Protein backbone atom coordinates (compact mmCIF):
# COMPACT_ATOMS: atom_id res chain seq x y z
CA MET A 1 27.72 -27.85 64.48
CA ILE A 2 30.29 -25.05 64.36
CA ARG A 3 30.67 -25.55 60.64
CA LEU A 4 26.89 -25.33 60.18
CA VAL A 5 26.72 -22.09 62.21
CA VAL A 6 29.49 -20.57 60.03
CA LEU A 7 28.17 -21.86 56.64
CA LEU A 8 24.51 -20.96 57.21
CA PRO A 9 25.06 -17.17 57.38
CA LEU A 10 27.37 -17.36 54.30
CA LEU A 11 24.71 -19.24 52.34
CA ILE A 12 21.99 -16.81 53.35
CA PHE A 13 24.17 -13.81 52.52
CA GLY A 14 25.04 -15.31 49.13
CA ALA A 15 21.41 -16.02 48.33
CA CYS A 16 20.28 -12.47 49.14
CA GLN A 17 22.29 -10.81 46.41
CA GLN A 18 20.20 -9.55 43.48
CA PRO A 19 20.83 -11.01 40.09
CA GLU A 20 22.16 -8.67 37.41
CA LEU A 21 19.37 -6.96 35.50
CA GLY A 22 19.64 -7.16 31.72
CA THR A 23 18.59 -4.45 29.33
CA PRO A 24 15.20 -4.82 27.76
CA LYS A 25 15.16 -6.03 24.16
CA PRO A 26 13.70 -3.67 21.59
CA ARG A 27 10.41 -4.54 19.99
CA MET A 28 11.03 -6.42 16.75
CA TYR A 29 9.09 -6.75 13.52
CA PRO A 30 9.26 -9.68 11.12
CA LYS A 31 12.01 -9.71 8.56
CA VAL A 32 10.83 -8.95 5.05
CA ASP A 33 12.45 -10.70 2.09
CA TYR A 34 12.03 -8.23 -0.76
CA PRO A 35 11.53 -9.78 -4.22
CA VAL A 36 13.91 -9.18 -7.08
CA ARG A 37 12.31 -6.64 -9.41
CA SER A 38 11.70 -7.18 -13.07
CA LYS A 39 9.04 -5.59 -15.28
CA VAL A 40 5.94 -7.21 -16.84
CA GLN A 41 3.79 -5.51 -19.46
CA PHE A 42 0.13 -5.16 -18.51
CA ASP A 43 -1.75 -5.39 -21.81
CA GLU A 44 -4.96 -7.25 -21.04
CA ALA A 45 -7.63 -7.51 -23.79
CA TYR A 46 -10.36 -6.43 -21.35
CA CYS A 47 -8.65 -3.05 -20.68
CA LYS A 48 -8.11 0.06 -22.80
CA LEU A 49 -4.77 0.80 -21.19
CA LYS A 50 -1.29 -0.58 -20.64
CA PHE A 51 1.60 -0.10 -18.30
CA GLU A 52 4.58 -1.93 -16.85
CA TYR A 53 4.30 -3.45 -13.34
CA PRO A 54 6.72 -5.49 -11.20
CA ASN A 55 6.68 -9.29 -11.49
CA TYR A 56 5.97 -9.79 -7.81
CA PHE A 57 2.40 -8.65 -8.49
CA SER A 58 -0.15 -10.94 -10.06
CA VAL A 59 -3.27 -9.69 -11.91
CA GLU A 60 -6.67 -10.77 -10.61
CA GLN A 61 -9.66 -9.50 -12.59
CA ASP A 62 -12.63 -8.49 -10.38
CA GLN A 63 -15.75 -10.46 -11.10
CA TYR A 64 -18.00 -8.78 -8.54
CA PHE A 65 -18.61 -5.31 -7.22
CA PHE A 66 -20.61 -5.90 -4.08
CA ASP A 67 -23.59 -7.97 -5.43
CA SER A 68 -23.31 -6.98 -9.07
CA LYS A 69 -20.78 -6.90 -11.88
CA PRO A 70 -18.20 -4.11 -12.06
CA ILE A 71 -19.06 -1.08 -14.16
CA ASP A 72 -16.37 -2.06 -16.70
CA PRO A 73 -14.47 -5.35 -17.27
CA CYS A 74 -11.28 -3.39 -16.59
CA TRP A 75 -11.52 -3.69 -12.79
CA PHE A 76 -8.71 -5.75 -11.36
CA ASP A 77 -6.24 -6.06 -8.44
CA LEU A 78 -2.50 -6.25 -8.54
CA VAL A 79 -1.84 -8.68 -5.71
CA SER A 80 1.47 -9.38 -3.96
CA LYS A 81 1.20 -12.26 -1.54
CA GLN A 82 4.89 -11.94 -0.69
CA LEU A 83 4.48 -8.33 0.49
CA ASN A 84 0.90 -8.84 1.73
CA SER A 85 -0.42 -5.93 -0.39
CA GLN A 86 -2.98 -5.16 -3.10
CA LEU A 87 -3.39 -2.37 -5.56
CA HIS A 88 -7.11 -2.09 -6.34
CA CYS A 89 -7.60 -0.74 -9.86
CA SER A 90 -10.71 0.42 -11.60
CA TYR A 91 -11.32 1.88 -15.06
CA ILE A 92 -14.40 3.87 -16.03
CA PRO A 93 -15.07 5.21 -19.54
CA VAL A 94 -15.93 8.96 -19.46
CA ASN A 95 -19.34 9.78 -21.01
CA ASN A 96 -19.27 13.61 -20.93
CA ARG A 97 -17.87 16.57 -19.03
CA LYS A 98 -20.41 16.32 -16.23
CA HIS A 99 -19.57 12.60 -15.77
CA PHE A 100 -15.81 13.43 -15.75
CA ASP A 101 -16.33 16.08 -13.02
CA GLN A 102 -18.30 13.51 -10.96
CA LEU A 103 -15.49 10.94 -11.29
CA VAL A 104 -12.89 13.45 -10.13
CA ASN A 105 -15.10 14.49 -7.17
CA ASP A 106 -15.64 10.86 -6.23
CA ALA A 107 -11.85 10.26 -6.26
CA PHE A 108 -11.39 13.21 -3.88
CA LYS A 109 -14.25 12.03 -1.62
CA MET A 110 -12.81 8.48 -1.41
CA THR A 111 -9.35 9.72 -0.48
CA SER A 112 -10.83 12.24 2.00
CA LYS A 113 -12.38 9.40 3.99
CA HIS A 114 -8.84 8.62 5.18
CA ASN A 115 -8.27 12.18 6.50
CA GLN A 116 -9.89 11.30 9.84
CA LYS A 117 -7.02 9.00 10.77
CA ALA A 118 -4.25 10.59 8.72
CA ASN A 119 -1.62 12.93 10.17
CA TYR A 120 -1.44 14.70 6.81
CA ARG A 121 -2.32 14.23 3.14
CA ARG A 122 0.05 15.13 0.34
CA GLU A 123 -1.10 15.63 -3.27
CA GLN A 124 1.19 15.39 -6.27
CA LEU A 125 0.23 16.22 -9.85
CA ILE A 126 0.75 13.56 -12.48
CA LYS A 127 1.65 14.91 -15.93
CA ASN A 128 2.65 12.97 -19.01
CA PRO A 129 1.59 15.12 -22.00
CA GLU A 130 3.17 12.74 -24.52
CA GLU A 131 0.69 9.95 -23.56
CA ASN A 132 -2.10 12.36 -22.61
CA VAL A 133 -2.07 11.05 -19.04
CA HIS A 134 -2.85 13.49 -16.18
CA GLY A 135 -3.99 13.01 -12.63
CA ILE A 136 -3.23 13.32 -8.93
CA LEU A 137 -1.32 11.06 -6.51
CA PHE A 138 -2.55 11.13 -2.89
CA GLU A 139 -0.33 10.07 0.01
CA HIS A 140 -1.61 9.74 3.59
CA ASP A 141 0.70 9.56 6.57
CA GLY A 142 -0.58 7.84 9.71
CA PRO A 143 -2.67 4.80 10.59
CA VAL A 144 -4.80 4.79 7.45
CA ALA A 145 -6.17 1.82 5.49
CA SER A 146 -4.83 3.06 2.15
CA PRO A 147 -1.62 5.08 2.35
CA LEU A 148 -1.46 5.75 -1.39
CA GLN A 149 -4.16 6.41 -4.00
CA PHE A 150 -4.10 7.94 -7.46
CA PHE A 151 -6.14 8.63 -10.52
CA VAL A 152 -5.15 9.25 -14.12
CA THR A 153 -7.25 10.38 -17.03
CA ASP A 154 -7.15 11.92 -20.47
CA SER A 155 -10.15 14.16 -19.42
CA THR A 156 -12.38 13.03 -22.33
CA LYS A 157 -12.58 9.23 -22.66
CA HIS A 158 -10.66 7.42 -19.94
CA PHE A 159 -10.57 7.48 -16.13
CA PHE A 160 -8.47 5.06 -14.06
CA ARG A 161 -8.24 4.98 -10.23
CA ALA A 162 -6.06 2.85 -7.92
CA SER A 163 -5.69 2.39 -4.14
CA LEU A 164 -2.95 0.56 -2.26
CA TYR A 165 -3.90 -1.64 0.73
CA PHE A 166 -1.87 -3.87 3.05
CA LYS A 167 -3.51 -6.97 4.52
CA SER A 168 -2.21 -6.33 8.02
CA GLN A 169 -2.83 -4.22 11.06
CA VAL A 170 -2.37 -0.56 10.22
CA ASN A 171 0.95 0.31 11.88
CA PRO A 172 2.81 2.95 9.83
CA ASP A 173 6.14 2.22 11.48
CA SER A 174 6.15 -1.49 10.62
CA ILE A 175 4.67 -0.99 7.13
CA ALA A 176 7.01 1.91 6.20
CA PRO A 177 9.87 -0.10 4.64
CA VAL A 178 7.47 -2.27 2.59
CA TYR A 179 5.40 0.81 1.65
CA ASP A 180 8.53 2.62 0.38
CA PHE A 181 9.50 -0.48 -1.71
CA VAL A 182 6.01 -0.74 -3.28
CA LYS A 183 5.63 3.01 -3.73
CA THR A 184 8.71 3.09 -5.96
CA ASP A 185 7.07 0.52 -8.30
CA ILE A 186 3.71 2.30 -8.29
CA LEU A 187 5.42 5.49 -9.40
CA GLU A 188 6.96 3.48 -12.25
CA ILE A 189 3.50 2.12 -13.14
CA ILE A 190 2.23 5.69 -13.41
CA GLU A 191 5.23 6.74 -15.55
CA SER A 192 4.68 3.86 -18.00
CA PHE A 193 0.93 4.39 -18.28
CA LYS A 194 -0.58 4.59 -21.79
CA TRP A 195 -4.09 4.51 -23.25
CA ASN A 196 -4.96 2.01 -26.02
C-alpha cells in the first residue's frame, strides 16, 4: 500500500507534463518534372506561318469554334499534358485596314478582360523587321486565367493571336515556376516566327 501511495503521485506527475510541440510544416506544392527541351518545326499545310516550338507541346487543330467551324483552318492549340498547359492559337487573314484595326482592338479587349483580377499588366513590343513580324506581348500578374497573351502581324495580310492557359486552379505562387519555364519557350516561338 505504501508503494502504491508513493508511485501514484509520481505517475500522475509524469502524465501531466506537456509533450514537446513541433514546428508546423510549410505548405507544399507538387514536384514538377520539367521536360528536356528540344525544338520542333511547326510547318503545317493548313497554316500560312511557321515557327519552332518545344517538343513537350503537341499540336491539336481546332475543329470547332463554339457551334461552328473556326474562321480559318489555322486555329490550333499547343498542348502540354506534362505541364498541364495550353497555348491557344488563332490565325486570321487580314482583309483591309479597317479589318486590321478591328483585330488589334479585339486583341486589346480580350486581354483587358483579365485586368479585373490582375495586379498589373505589362506590355512588350515585338519587332522582327527581317521577317516582317510585329506585335505586342501582354503579361498579367495575379490570379488571372491567362497570364500571357500575344499577337503578331505583318499589318497587311496576316494576324496571329495566342493565349496561355493552365488547367489548374489559378494560384500565381504555385504556377510561377512552370510559367517561367513555359514563358521562355513562348518567347523563342515568337523569335522564330515567319510568314509563308
